[in-house]
Amino acid sequence: GPPPAAPATRDVHTLAAFLKASHCSLLARLSDDSLAALANAARLTRVEAGTIVDTHEHGDCVHVLCAGTVSVLRAHRSPDMLHSLPVPGECIDVLGPSGTFGLRGGGEQLALLAREAVDFLSIPRAELARVFWRDEVHS
């Protein structure tokens, strides 16, 4: 079925339930305790339509889209600029609720363009690694 409507909330149980129901196979394997730990460590961010999110800037986290859709753009970087500029027409994907980004780490330079108001949950990589290790060891 469709992914659950996302929580614009800081309630850990609601966020953990959302993560559990997300289409991310990585998260689906985790125990409820681990999902709660991730929800607790995560931060919820809202960006308005038209905002560009530089994934490089948020490279220490894995992100799960809660609401809204984003275009994934190949980012163009030049040495004399501090920010990425998406190359016009270089949309390589569109993500909706439960979509994840940042799983692969800092390989390709990508930027996200919010097509509407977007809420996303940012989970610190270190916390993700910790709960995965714990679940693997004890399962």
C-alpha atoms as a PDB file:
ATOM      1  CA  GLY A   1       0.000   0.000   0.000  1.00  0.00           C
ATOM      2  CA  PRO A   2       1.008   3.647   0.027  1.00  0.00           C
ATOM      3  CA  PRO A   3       3.515   4.732   2.663  1.00  0.00           C
ATOM      4  CA  PRO A   4       1.958   6.133   5.819  1.00  0.00           C
ATOM      5  CA  ALA A   5       1.345   9.846   6.089  1.00  0.00           C
ATOM      6  CA  ALA A   6       4.374  11.255   7.717  1.00  0.00           C
ATOM      7  CA  PRO A   7       4.579  12.714  11.095  1.00  0.00           C
ATOM      8  CA  ALA A   8       5.297  16.418  11.349  1.00  0.00           C
ATOM      9  CA  THR A   9       5.999  15.595  14.945  1.00  0.00           C
ATOM     10  CA  ARG A  10       8.819  14.952  17.342  1.00  0.00           C
ATOM     11  CA  ASP A  11       7.002  12.012  18.923  1.00  0.00           C
ATOM     12  CA  VAL A  12       9.519   9.179  18.957  1.00  0.00           C
ATOM     13  CA  HIS A  13       6.924   6.383  18.777  1.00  0.00           C
ATOM     14  CA  THR A  14       5.211   7.969  15.780  1.00  0.00           C
ATOM     15  CA  LEU A  15       8.520   8.514  14.004  1.00  0.00           C
ATOM     16  CA  ALA A  16       9.697   4.980  14.775  1.00  0.00           C
ATOM     17  CA  ALA A  17       6.439   3.544  13.384  1.00  0.00           C
ATOM     18  CA  PHE A  18       6.905   5.676  10.262  1.00  0.00           C
ATOM     19  CA  LEU A  19      10.462   4.382   9.782  1.00  0.00           C
ATOM     20  CA  LYS A  20       9.298   0.805  10.255  1.00  0.00           C
ATOM     21  CA  ALA A  21       6.598   1.237   7.590  1.00  0.00           C
ATOM     22  CA  SER A  22       8.888   3.048   5.146  1.00  0.00           C
ATOM     23  CA  HIS A  23       9.891   1.261   1.962  1.00  0.00           C
ATOM     24  CA  CYS A  24      13.544   1.329   2.973  1.00  0.00           C
ATOM     25  CA  SER A  25      14.694  -2.299   3.178  1.00  0.00           C
ATOM     26  CA  LEU A  26      17.618  -1.169   5.314  1.00  0.00           C
ATOM     27  CA  LEU A  27      15.290   0.099   8.049  1.00  0.00           C
ATOM     28  CA  ALA A  28      12.798  -2.755   7.740  1.00  0.00           C
ATOM     29  CA  ARG A  29      15.323  -5.185   9.253  1.00  0.00           C
ATOM     30  CA  LEU A  30      15.776  -3.225  12.475  1.00  0.00           C
ATOM     31  CA  SER A  31      14.209  -4.020  15.828  1.00  0.00           C
ATOM     32  CA  ASP A  32      11.631  -1.680  17.369  1.00  0.00           C
ATOM     33  CA  ASP A  33      14.185  -0.596  19.986  1.00  0.00           C
ATOM     34  CA  SER A  34      16.651   0.342  17.286  1.00  0.00           C
ATOM     35  CA  LEU A  35      14.026   2.254  15.308  1.00  0.00           C
ATOM     36  CA  ALA A  36      13.112   4.164  18.460  1.00  0.00           C
ATOM     37  CA  ALA A  37      16.796   4.977  19.009  1.00  0.00           C
ATOM     38  CA  LEU A  38      17.068   6.269  15.439  1.00  0.00           C
ATOM     39  CA  ALA A  39      13.880   8.320  15.769  1.00  0.00           C
ATOM     40  CA  ASN A  40      15.231   9.790  18.980  1.00  0.00           C
ATOM     41  CA  ALA A  41      18.534  10.779  17.359  1.00  0.00           C
ATOM     42  CA  ALA A  42      16.960  12.081  14.144  1.00  0.00           C
ATOM     43  CA  ARG A  43      16.034  15.647  13.361  1.00  0.00           C
ATOM     44  CA  LEU A  44      12.966  16.651  11.400  1.00  0.00           C
ATOM     45  CA  THR A  45      13.470  19.436   8.860  1.00  0.00           C
ATOM     46  CA  ARG A  46      10.891  21.263   6.749  1.00  0.00           C
ATOM     47  CA  VAL A  47      11.877  23.087   3.575  1.00  0.00           C
ATOM     48  CA  GLU A  48       9.583  25.129   1.377  1.00  0.00           C
ATOM     49  CA  ALA A  49       8.893  24.564  -2.318  1.00  0.00           C
ATOM     50  CA  GLY A  50      11.765  25.659  -4.533  1.00  0.00           C
ATOM     51  CA  THR A  51      14.423  25.164  -1.844  1.00  0.00           C
ATOM     52  CA  ILE A  52      17.612  23.433  -2.907  1.00  0.00           C
ATOM     53  CA  VAL A  53      19.033  20.997  -0.365  1.00  0.00           C
ATOM     54  CA  ASP A  54      22.742  20.370  -0.810  1.00  0.00           C
ATOM     55  CA  THR A  55      23.217  16.715   0.147  1.00  0.00           C
ATOM     56  CA  HIS A  56      26.940  17.341   0.621  1.00  0.00           C
ATOM     57  CA  GLU A  57      26.174  19.774   3.441  1.00  0.00           C
ATOM     58  CA  HIS A  58      24.143  17.082   5.194  1.00  0.00           C
ATOM     59  CA  GLY A  59      26.648  14.328   4.479  1.00  0.00           C
ATOM     60  CA  ASP A  60      26.831  13.042   8.044  1.00  0.00           C
ATOM     61  CA  CYS A  61      23.223  11.854   7.860  1.00  0.00           C
ATOM     62  CA  VAL A  62      20.926   9.510   6.005  1.00  0.00           C
ATOM     63  CA  HIS A  63      17.602  11.140   5.182  1.00  0.00           C
ATOM     64  CA  VAL A  64      14.107   9.725   4.886  1.00  0.00           C
ATOM     65  CA  LEU A  65      11.475  11.828   3.137  1.00  0.00           C
ATOM     66  CA  CYS A  66       8.373  12.141   5.279  1.00  0.00           C
ATOM     67  CA  ALA A  67       6.153  14.344   3.142  1.00  0.00           C
ATOM     68  CA  GLY A  68       6.356  16.040  -0.227  1.00  0.00           C
ATOM     69  CA  THR A  69       8.470  15.263  -3.288  1.00  0.00           C
ATOM     70  CA  VAL A  70      11.937  16.299  -4.392  1.00  0.00           C
ATOM     71  CA  SER A  71      13.765  16.258  -7.716  1.00  0.00           C
ATOM     72  CA  VAL A  72      17.229  14.744  -7.479  1.00  0.00           C
ATOM     73  CA  LEU A  73      19.600  16.890  -9.512  1.00  0.00           C
ATOM     74  CA  ARG A  74      23.163  16.280 -10.506  1.00  0.00           C
ATOM     75  CA  ALA A  75      25.028  19.101  -8.858  1.00  0.00           C
ATOM     76  CA  HIS A  76      27.587  21.206 -10.619  1.00  0.00           C
ATOM     77  CA  ARG A  77      30.435  22.402  -8.449  1.00  0.00           C
ATOM     78  CA  SER A  78      33.086  24.889  -9.339  1.00  0.00           C
ATOM     79  CA  PRO A  79      36.124  25.517  -7.130  1.00  0.00           C
ATOM     80  CA  ASP A  80      35.344  29.219  -6.679  1.00  0.00           C
ATOM     81  CA  MET A  81      31.813  28.638  -5.427  1.00  0.00           C
ATOM     82  CA  LEU A  82      30.735  27.650  -1.973  1.00  0.00           C
ATOM     83  CA  HIS A  83      27.419  26.152  -2.977  1.00  0.00           C
ATOM     84  CA  SER A  84      26.336  23.544  -5.486  1.00  0.00           C
ATOM     85  CA  LEU A  85      24.356  24.701  -8.431  1.00  0.00           C
ATOM     86  CA  PRO A  86      22.105  22.128  -9.997  1.00  0.00           C
ATOM     87  CA  VAL A  87      22.638  21.879 -13.717  1.00  0.00           C
ATOM     88  CA  PRO A  88      19.357  22.801 -15.411  1.00  0.00           C
ATOM     89  CA  GLY A  89      17.621  19.793 -16.934  1.00  0.00           C
ATOM     90  CA  GLU A  90      19.774  17.323 -15.057  1.00  0.00           C
ATOM     91  CA  CYS A  91      16.985  15.805 -12.999  1.00  0.00           C
ATOM     92  CA  ILE A  92      17.925  12.156 -12.529  1.00  0.00           C
ATOM     93  CA  ASP A  93      15.208  11.013 -10.129  1.00  0.00           C
ATOM     94  CA  VAL A  94      12.139  12.059  -8.170  1.00  0.00           C
ATOM     95  CA  LEU A  95      11.651  10.944  -4.567  1.00  0.00           C
ATOM     96  CA  GLY A  96       8.422  10.893  -2.579  1.00  0.00           C
ATOM     97  CA  PRO A  97       7.449   9.912   0.970  1.00  0.00           C
ATOM     98  CA  SER A  98       9.609   7.091   2.375  1.00  0.00           C
ATOM     99  CA  GLY A  99      12.263   7.828  -0.237  1.00  0.00           C
ATOM    100  CA  THR A 100      15.778   7.841   1.167  1.00  0.00           C
ATOM    101  CA  PHE A 101      18.856   9.794   0.195  1.00  0.00           C
ATOM    102  CA  GLY A 102      22.384   9.899   1.522  1.00  0.00           C
ATOM    103  CA  LEU A 103      22.644   6.109   1.912  1.00  0.00           C
ATOM    104  CA  ARG A 104      25.572   5.832  -0.459  1.00  0.00           C
ATOM    105  CA  GLY A 105      27.665   8.479   1.220  1.00  0.00           C
ATOM    106  CA  GLY A 106      29.482  11.299  -0.471  1.00  0.00           C
ATOM    107  CA  GLY A 107      30.204   9.808  -3.872  1.00  0.00           C
ATOM    108  CA  GLU A 108      28.235  11.685  -6.495  1.00  0.00           C
ATOM    109  CA  GLN A 109      27.470  15.359  -5.968  1.00  0.00           C
ATOM    110  CA  LEU A 110      23.709  15.626  -5.867  1.00  0.00           C
ATOM    111  CA  ALA A 111      21.314  18.377  -4.925  1.00  0.00           C
ATOM    112  CA  LEU A 112      17.636  18.046  -4.124  1.00  0.00           C
ATOM    113  CA  LEU A 113      15.027  20.510  -5.276  1.00  0.00           C
ATOM    114  CA  ALA A 114      11.837  20.602  -3.218  1.00  0.00           C
ATOM    115  CA  ARG A 115       8.901  20.416  -5.628  1.00  0.00           C
ATOM    116  CA  GLU A 116       6.536  21.356  -2.792  1.00  0.00           C
ATOM    117  CA  ALA A 117       6.871  21.808   0.968  1.00  0.00           C
ATOM    118  CA  VAL A 118       8.956  18.845   2.137  1.00  0.00           C
ATOM    119  CA  ASP A 119       9.567  17.280   5.548  1.00  0.00           C
ATOM    120  CA  PHE A 120      12.554  15.001   5.928  1.00  0.00           C
ATOM    121  CA  LEU A 121      14.048  13.096   8.795  1.00  0.00           C
ATOM    122  CA  SER A 122      17.835  13.177   9.123  1.00  0.00           C
ATOM    123  CA  ILE A 123      19.410  10.234  10.924  1.00  0.00           C
ATOM    124  CA  PRO A 124      23.065  10.570  11.943  1.00  0.00           C
ATOM    125  CA  ARG A 125      25.187   7.950  10.171  1.00  0.00           C
ATOM    126  CA  ALA A 126      27.013   7.139  13.404  1.00  0.00           C
ATOM    127  CA  GLU A 127      23.735   6.267  15.129  1.00  0.00           C
ATOM    128  CA  LEU A 128      22.620   4.169  12.166  1.00  0.00           C
ATOM    129  CA  ALA A 129      25.906   2.235  12.242  1.00  0.00           C
ATOM    130  CA  ARG A 130      25.610   1.729  15.998  1.00  0.00           C
ATOM    131  CA  VAL A 131      22.094   0.265  15.931  1.00  0.00           C
ATOM    132  CA  PHE A 132      22.891  -1.922  12.916  1.00  0.00           C
ATOM    133  CA  TRP A 133      25.917  -3.321  14.662  1.00  0.00           C
ATOM    134  CA  ARG A 134      23.893  -3.950  17.810  1.00  0.00           C
ATOM    135  CA  ASP A 135      21.055  -5.654  15.912  1.00  0.00           C
ATOM    136  CA  GLU A 136      23.439  -7.833  13.856  1.00  0.00           C
ATOM    137  CA  VAL A 137      25.366  -8.943  16.899  1.00  0.00           C
ATOM    138  CA  HIS A 138      22.300  -9.808  18.952  1.00  0.00           C
ATOM    139  CA  SER A 139      20.030 -11.287  16.309  1.00  0.00           C
END
